[in-house]
């Protein structure tokens, strides 16, 4: 059974402080990878069994009797497990130019599925 309890928040991915610099623009960068993956697995099995029984009985003038029984069981188990994984990711790099005397804070949503 798949259970999902999502939560969300914001996460700081870049804080670039150029407040103490009054002359030079600086460049800050960060790299992030986002994506999703999914895995499914299924097992299927099948079994065949056959039983044959034969009885032969005979007697001679109520003096003796005999019987013969043969039983055979055959079976074969066909089991197959299939697994499938799907994954998609994307990586990006972001560069930010920060002028003198400026503080840049970049935040992104942080979604968690449990």
N, C-alpha and C. Protein backbone atom coordinates (compact mmCIF):
# COMPACT_ATOMS: atom_id res chain seq x y z
N UNK A 1 0.85 -1.17 0.00
CA UNK A 1 0.00 0.00 0.00
C UNK A 1 0.89 1.24 0.00
N UNK A 2 0.59 2.15 -0.86
CA UNK A 2 1.37 3.37 -0.97
C UNK A 2 0.74 4.42 -0.05
N UNK A 3 1.59 5.00 0.79
CA UNK A 3 1.13 6.02 1.72
C UNK A 3 1.89 7.31 1.42
N UNK A 4 1.19 8.41 1.45
CA UNK A 4 1.84 9.68 1.14
C UNK A 4 1.42 10.72 2.16
N UNK A 5 2.40 11.34 2.82
CA UNK A 5 2.16 12.40 3.78
C UNK A 5 3.04 13.58 3.41
N UNK A 6 2.59 14.44 2.48
CA UNK A 6 3.45 15.53 2.00
C UNK A 6 3.60 16.66 3.01
N UNK A 7 4.78 17.27 3.02
CA UNK A 7 5.03 18.49 3.79
C UNK A 7 5.80 19.45 2.89
N UNK A 8 5.75 20.72 3.22
CA UNK A 8 6.50 21.68 2.42
C UNK A 8 7.13 22.73 3.32
N UNK A 9 8.18 23.33 2.82
CA UNK A 9 8.89 24.39 3.52
C UNK A 9 9.73 25.12 2.48
N UNK A 10 10.47 26.12 2.94
CA UNK A 10 11.41 26.82 2.05
C UNK A 10 12.82 26.53 2.52
N UNK A 11 13.72 26.38 1.56
CA UNK A 11 15.11 26.08 1.86
C UNK A 11 15.99 27.13 1.19
N UNK A 12 16.94 27.66 1.96
CA UNK A 12 17.88 28.62 1.40
C UNK A 12 18.93 27.87 0.59
N UNK A 13 19.04 28.20 -0.69
CA UNK A 13 20.02 27.54 -1.55
C UNK A 13 21.20 28.44 -1.88
N UNK A 14 21.04 29.74 -1.63
CA UNK A 14 22.13 30.66 -1.93
C UNK A 14 21.99 31.90 -1.06
N UNK A 15 23.05 32.23 -0.35
CA UNK A 15 23.12 33.49 0.39
C UNK A 15 24.43 34.13 -0.02
N UNK A 16 24.33 35.23 -0.72
CA UNK A 16 25.52 35.88 -1.25
C UNK A 16 25.57 37.31 -0.68
N UNK A 17 26.52 37.53 0.21
CA UNK A 17 26.59 38.79 0.94
C UNK A 17 27.72 39.67 0.38
N UNK A 18 27.33 40.77 -0.23
CA UNK A 18 28.31 41.72 -0.76
C UNK A 18 28.11 43.09 -0.10
N UNK A 19 27.58 43.11 1.13
CA UNK A 19 27.27 44.36 1.82
C UNK A 19 28.52 45.12 2.27
N UNK A 20 29.60 44.41 2.56
CA UNK A 20 30.81 45.09 3.05
C UNK A 20 31.69 45.61 1.91
N UNK A 21 31.35 45.24 0.70
CA UNK A 21 32.13 45.66 -0.46
C UNK A 21 31.40 46.84 -1.12
N UNK A 22 32.09 47.95 -1.28
CA UNK A 22 31.47 49.13 -1.88
C UNK A 22 31.94 49.39 -3.31
N UNK A 23 32.76 48.49 -3.87
CA UNK A 23 33.34 48.78 -5.17
C UNK A 23 33.11 47.72 -6.24
N UNK A 24 33.07 46.45 -5.86
CA UNK A 24 33.11 45.38 -6.85
C UNK A 24 31.84 44.54 -6.84
N UNK A 25 31.36 44.23 -8.03
CA UNK A 25 30.25 43.27 -8.16
C UNK A 25 30.84 41.86 -8.09
N UNK A 26 30.18 40.99 -7.34
CA UNK A 26 30.65 39.60 -7.23
C UNK A 26 29.63 38.66 -7.88
N UNK A 27 30.11 37.48 -8.23
CA UNK A 27 29.23 36.47 -8.83
C UNK A 27 29.16 35.27 -7.89
N UNK A 28 27.94 34.87 -7.57
CA UNK A 28 27.73 33.67 -6.76
C UNK A 28 26.94 32.66 -7.60
N UNK A 29 27.16 31.38 -7.31
CA UNK A 29 26.43 30.36 -8.08
C UNK A 29 26.09 29.17 -7.19
N UNK A 30 25.09 28.44 -7.60
CA UNK A 30 24.75 27.17 -6.96
C UNK A 30 24.24 26.21 -8.02
N UNK A 31 24.38 24.92 -7.73
CA UNK A 31 23.92 23.87 -8.63
C UNK A 31 22.92 23.01 -7.88
N UNK A 32 21.82 22.71 -8.54
CA UNK A 32 20.82 21.85 -7.92
C UNK A 32 20.38 20.78 -8.90
N UNK A 33 20.02 19.62 -8.34
CA UNK A 33 19.47 18.52 -9.13
C UNK A 33 18.10 18.21 -8.57
N UNK A 34 17.11 18.23 -9.44
CA UNK A 34 15.74 17.91 -9.02
C UNK A 34 15.25 16.76 -9.88
N UNK A 35 14.30 16.00 -9.35
CA UNK A 35 13.76 14.91 -10.13
C UNK A 35 12.88 13.99 -9.31
N UNK A 36 12.54 12.89 -9.92
CA UNK A 36 11.69 11.90 -9.28
C UNK A 36 12.05 10.51 -9.77
N UNK A 37 11.72 9.51 -8.97
CA UNK A 37 11.90 8.13 -9.41
C UNK A 37 10.76 7.28 -8.87
N UNK A 38 10.47 6.21 -9.57
CA UNK A 38 9.36 5.31 -9.23
C UNK A 38 9.78 3.89 -9.55
N UNK A 39 9.52 2.96 -8.65
CA UNK A 39 9.84 1.55 -8.87
C UNK A 39 8.60 0.71 -8.58
N UNK A 40 8.32 -0.24 -9.48
CA UNK A 40 7.21 -1.17 -9.30
C UNK A 40 7.72 -2.58 -9.53
N UNK A 41 7.20 -3.53 -8.76
CA UNK A 41 7.61 -4.92 -8.91
C UNK A 41 6.37 -5.81 -8.81
N UNK A 42 6.32 -6.83 -9.67
CA UNK A 42 5.19 -7.76 -9.67
C UNK A 42 5.71 -9.18 -9.84
N UNK A 43 5.09 -10.13 -9.15
CA UNK A 43 5.45 -11.54 -9.26
C UNK A 43 4.22 -12.31 -9.69
N UNK A 44 4.40 -13.20 -10.66
CA UNK A 44 3.31 -14.03 -11.16
C UNK A 44 3.79 -15.48 -11.17
N UNK A 45 2.94 -16.38 -10.71
CA UNK A 45 3.33 -17.79 -10.73
C UNK A 45 2.14 -18.65 -11.13
N UNK A 46 2.47 -19.81 -11.68
CA UNK A 46 1.45 -20.75 -12.12
C UNK A 46 1.99 -22.15 -11.90
N UNK A 47 1.13 -23.06 -11.47
CA UNK A 47 1.56 -24.43 -11.21
C UNK A 47 0.51 -25.39 -11.78
N UNK A 48 0.99 -26.48 -12.34
CA UNK A 48 0.11 -27.51 -12.89
C UNK A 48 0.44 -28.83 -12.23
N UNK A 49 -0.56 -29.55 -11.76
CA UNK A 49 -0.31 -30.85 -11.19
C UNK A 49 -1.32 -31.85 -11.71
N UNK A 50 -0.86 -33.06 -11.93
CA UNK A 50 -1.72 -34.13 -12.45
C UNK A 50 -1.52 -35.36 -11.58
N UNK A 51 -2.62 -36.03 -11.26
CA UNK A 51 -2.52 -37.26 -10.48
C UNK A 51 -3.34 -38.34 -11.18
N UNK A 52 -2.70 -39.48 -11.37
CA UNK A 52 -3.36 -40.61 -12.01
C UNK A 52 -3.30 -41.79 -11.04
N UNK A 53 -4.42 -42.42 -10.81
CA UNK A 53 -4.45 -43.59 -9.93
C UNK A 53 -5.18 -44.72 -10.64
N UNK A 54 -4.63 -45.89 -10.55
CA UNK A 54 -5.25 -47.04 -11.19
C UNK A 54 -5.18 -48.21 -10.21
N UNK A 55 -6.26 -48.90 -10.11
CA UNK A 55 -6.30 -50.04 -9.20
C UNK A 55 -6.75 -51.28 -9.99
N UNK A 56 -6.00 -52.33 -9.84
CA UNK A 56 -6.35 -53.61 -10.45
C UNK A 56 -6.54 -54.59 -9.30
N UNK A 57 -7.64 -55.26 -9.32
CA UNK A 57 -7.92 -56.20 -8.25
C UNK A 57 -8.38 -57.52 -8.88
N UNK A 58 -7.88 -58.55 -8.33
CA UNK A 58 -8.27 -59.86 -8.86
C UNK A 58 -8.27 -60.90 -7.75
N UNK A 59 -8.94 -62.00 -7.99
CA UNK A 59 -8.98 -63.04 -6.97
C UNK A 59 -9.22 -64.40 -7.60
N UNK A 60 -8.92 -65.41 -6.88
CA UNK A 60 -9.10 -66.77 -7.37
C UNK A 60 -9.84 -67.55 -6.30
N UNK A 61 -11.08 -67.86 -6.58
CA UNK A 61 -11.91 -68.72 -5.73
C UNK A 61 -11.86 -68.32 -4.27
N UNK A 62 -11.93 -67.06 -4.00
CA UNK A 62 -11.91 -66.54 -2.64
C UNK A 62 -10.72 -67.02 -1.81
N UNK A 63 -9.66 -67.49 -2.47
CA UNK A 63 -8.49 -67.94 -1.74
C UNK A 63 -7.52 -66.77 -1.55
N UNK A 64 -7.31 -66.01 -2.58
CA UNK A 64 -6.44 -64.85 -2.44
C UNK A 64 -6.96 -63.75 -3.34
N UNK A 65 -6.54 -62.55 -3.01
CA UNK A 65 -6.84 -61.41 -3.88
C UNK A 65 -5.63 -60.48 -3.85
N UNK A 66 -5.50 -59.74 -4.87
CA UNK A 66 -4.38 -58.81 -4.97
C UNK A 66 -4.88 -57.50 -5.59
N UNK A 67 -4.20 -56.44 -5.29
CA UNK A 67 -4.54 -55.15 -5.91
C UNK A 67 -3.25 -54.38 -6.18
N UNK A 68 -3.32 -53.53 -7.16
CA UNK A 68 -2.18 -52.73 -7.56
C UNK A 68 -2.67 -51.30 -7.74
N UNK A 69 -1.99 -50.35 -7.14
CA UNK A 69 -2.34 -48.94 -7.29
C UNK A 69 -1.10 -48.16 -7.70
N UNK A 70 -1.26 -47.31 -8.66
CA UNK A 70 -0.18 -46.46 -9.13
C UNK A 70 -0.66 -45.01 -9.05
N UNK A 71 0.15 -44.15 -8.47
CA UNK A 71 -0.20 -42.74 -8.37
C UNK A 71 1.01 -41.91 -8.78
N UNK A 72 0.80 -40.95 -9.63
CA UNK A 72 1.88 -40.09 -10.09
C UNK A 72 1.42 -38.63 -10.00
N UNK A 73 2.26 -37.79 -9.44
CA UNK A 73 1.99 -36.36 -9.38
C UNK A 73 3.14 -35.63 -10.06
N UNK A 74 2.80 -34.82 -11.01
CA UNK A 74 3.82 -34.01 -11.65
C UNK A 74 3.45 -32.54 -11.46
N UNK A 75 4.43 -31.73 -11.31
CA UNK A 75 4.16 -30.30 -11.14
C UNK A 75 5.34 -29.48 -11.62
N UNK A 76 5.07 -28.27 -12.06
CA UNK A 76 6.11 -27.35 -12.46
C UNK A 76 5.66 -25.96 -12.06
N UNK A 77 6.55 -25.20 -11.48
CA UNK A 77 6.22 -23.86 -11.01
C UNK A 77 6.86 -22.84 -11.94
N UNK A 78 6.04 -22.09 -12.64
CA UNK A 78 6.52 -21.00 -13.49
C UNK A 78 6.38 -19.72 -12.68
N UNK A 79 7.47 -19.17 -12.23
CA UNK A 79 7.42 -17.91 -11.48
C UNK A 79 8.18 -16.85 -12.27
N UNK A 80 7.57 -15.70 -12.38
CA UNK A 80 8.19 -14.59 -13.09
C UNK A 80 8.08 -13.34 -12.22
N UNK A 81 9.20 -12.67 -12.02
CA UNK A 81 9.19 -11.40 -11.31
C UNK A 81 9.62 -10.31 -12.28
N UNK A 82 8.81 -9.27 -12.36
CA UNK A 82 9.10 -8.15 -13.25
C UNK A 82 9.31 -6.91 -12.40
N UNK A 83 10.38 -6.20 -12.67
CA UNK A 83 10.67 -4.97 -11.95
C UNK A 83 10.87 -3.84 -12.96
N UNK A 84 10.32 -2.69 -12.64
CA UNK A 84 10.40 -1.55 -13.54
C UNK A 84 10.74 -0.31 -12.74
N UNK A 85 11.73 0.44 -13.20
CA UNK A 85 12.13 1.67 -12.53
C UNK A 85 12.09 2.82 -13.54
N UNK A 86 11.52 3.92 -13.09
CA UNK A 86 11.41 5.12 -13.91
C UNK A 86 12.08 6.26 -13.13
N UNK A 87 12.96 6.98 -13.77
CA UNK A 87 13.65 8.06 -13.09
C UNK A 87 13.90 9.21 -14.07
N UNK A 88 13.63 10.43 -13.60
CA UNK A 88 13.89 11.63 -14.39
C UNK A 88 14.55 12.65 -13.46
N UNK A 89 15.71 13.15 -13.87
CA UNK A 89 16.36 14.20 -13.09
C UNK A 89 16.82 15.32 -14.02
N UNK A 90 16.96 16.48 -13.45
CA UNK A 90 17.43 17.64 -14.20
C UNK A 90 18.39 18.41 -13.30
N UNK A 91 19.55 18.76 -13.83
CA UNK A 91 20.54 19.52 -13.08
C UNK A 91 20.70 20.89 -13.73
N UNK A 92 20.73 21.91 -12.89
CA UNK A 92 20.92 23.26 -13.41
C UNK A 92 21.86 24.04 -12.49
N UNK A 93 22.58 24.96 -13.08
CA UNK A 93 23.46 25.85 -12.34
C UNK A 93 22.95 27.28 -12.52
N UNK A 94 22.83 27.98 -11.40
CA UNK A 94 22.33 29.35 -11.43
C UNK A 94 23.46 30.27 -10.95
N UNK A 95 23.72 31.31 -11.72
CA UNK A 95 24.71 32.32 -11.33
C UNK A 95 23.98 33.64 -11.08
N UNK A 96 24.39 34.31 -10.00
CA UNK A 96 23.77 35.58 -9.62
C UNK A 96 24.89 36.61 -9.45
N UNK A 97 24.73 37.74 -10.11
CA UNK A 97 25.68 38.85 -9.93
C UNK A 97 25.13 39.77 -8.84
N UNK A 98 25.98 40.01 -7.84
CA UNK A 98 25.56 40.81 -6.68
C UNK A 98 26.36 42.11 -6.68
N UNK A 99 25.66 43.24 -6.84
CA UNK A 99 26.35 44.53 -6.85
C UNK A 99 26.89 44.89 -5.46
N UNK A 100 27.80 45.84 -5.38
CA UNK A 100 28.35 46.26 -4.09
C UNK A 100 27.25 46.72 -3.12
N UNK A 101 27.39 46.32 -1.85
CA UNK A 101 26.46 46.75 -0.81
C UNK A 101 25.15 45.99 -0.77
N UNK A 102 25.04 44.84 -1.45
CA UNK A 102 23.76 44.12 -1.55
C UNK A 102 23.91 42.70 -0.98
N UNK A 103 22.85 42.24 -0.36
CA UNK A 103 22.75 40.85 0.12
C UNK A 103 21.67 40.15 -0.69
N UNK A 104 22.01 39.02 -1.31
CA UNK A 104 21.04 38.25 -2.09
C UNK A 104 20.83 36.91 -1.39
N UNK A 105 19.57 36.60 -1.12
CA UNK A 105 19.21 35.29 -0.55
C UNK A 105 18.21 34.66 -1.50
N UNK A 106 18.52 33.48 -2.00
CA UNK A 106 17.64 32.77 -2.91
C UNK A 106 17.08 31.56 -2.19
N UNK A 107 15.75 31.46 -2.13
CA UNK A 107 15.09 30.33 -1.48
C UNK A 107 14.24 29.59 -2.51
N UNK A 108 14.09 28.29 -2.28
CA UNK A 108 13.24 27.47 -3.15
C UNK A 108 12.30 26.65 -2.28
N UNK A 109 11.14 26.28 -2.82
CA UNK A 109 10.24 25.41 -2.06
C UNK A 109 10.87 24.04 -1.89
N UNK A 110 10.66 23.45 -0.75
CA UNK A 110 11.19 22.13 -0.45
C UNK A 110 9.99 21.22 -0.16
N UNK A 111 9.65 20.35 -1.10
CA UNK A 111 8.49 19.46 -0.96
C UNK A 111 8.99 18.08 -0.58
N UNK A 112 8.40 17.49 0.45
CA UNK A 112 8.80 16.16 0.92
C UNK A 112 7.56 15.27 0.93
N UNK A 113 7.67 14.10 0.28
CA UNK A 113 6.59 13.12 0.26
C UNK A 113 7.07 11.88 1.00
N UNK A 114 6.39 11.54 2.09
CA UNK A 114 6.78 10.34 2.85
C UNK A 114 5.62 9.40 2.96
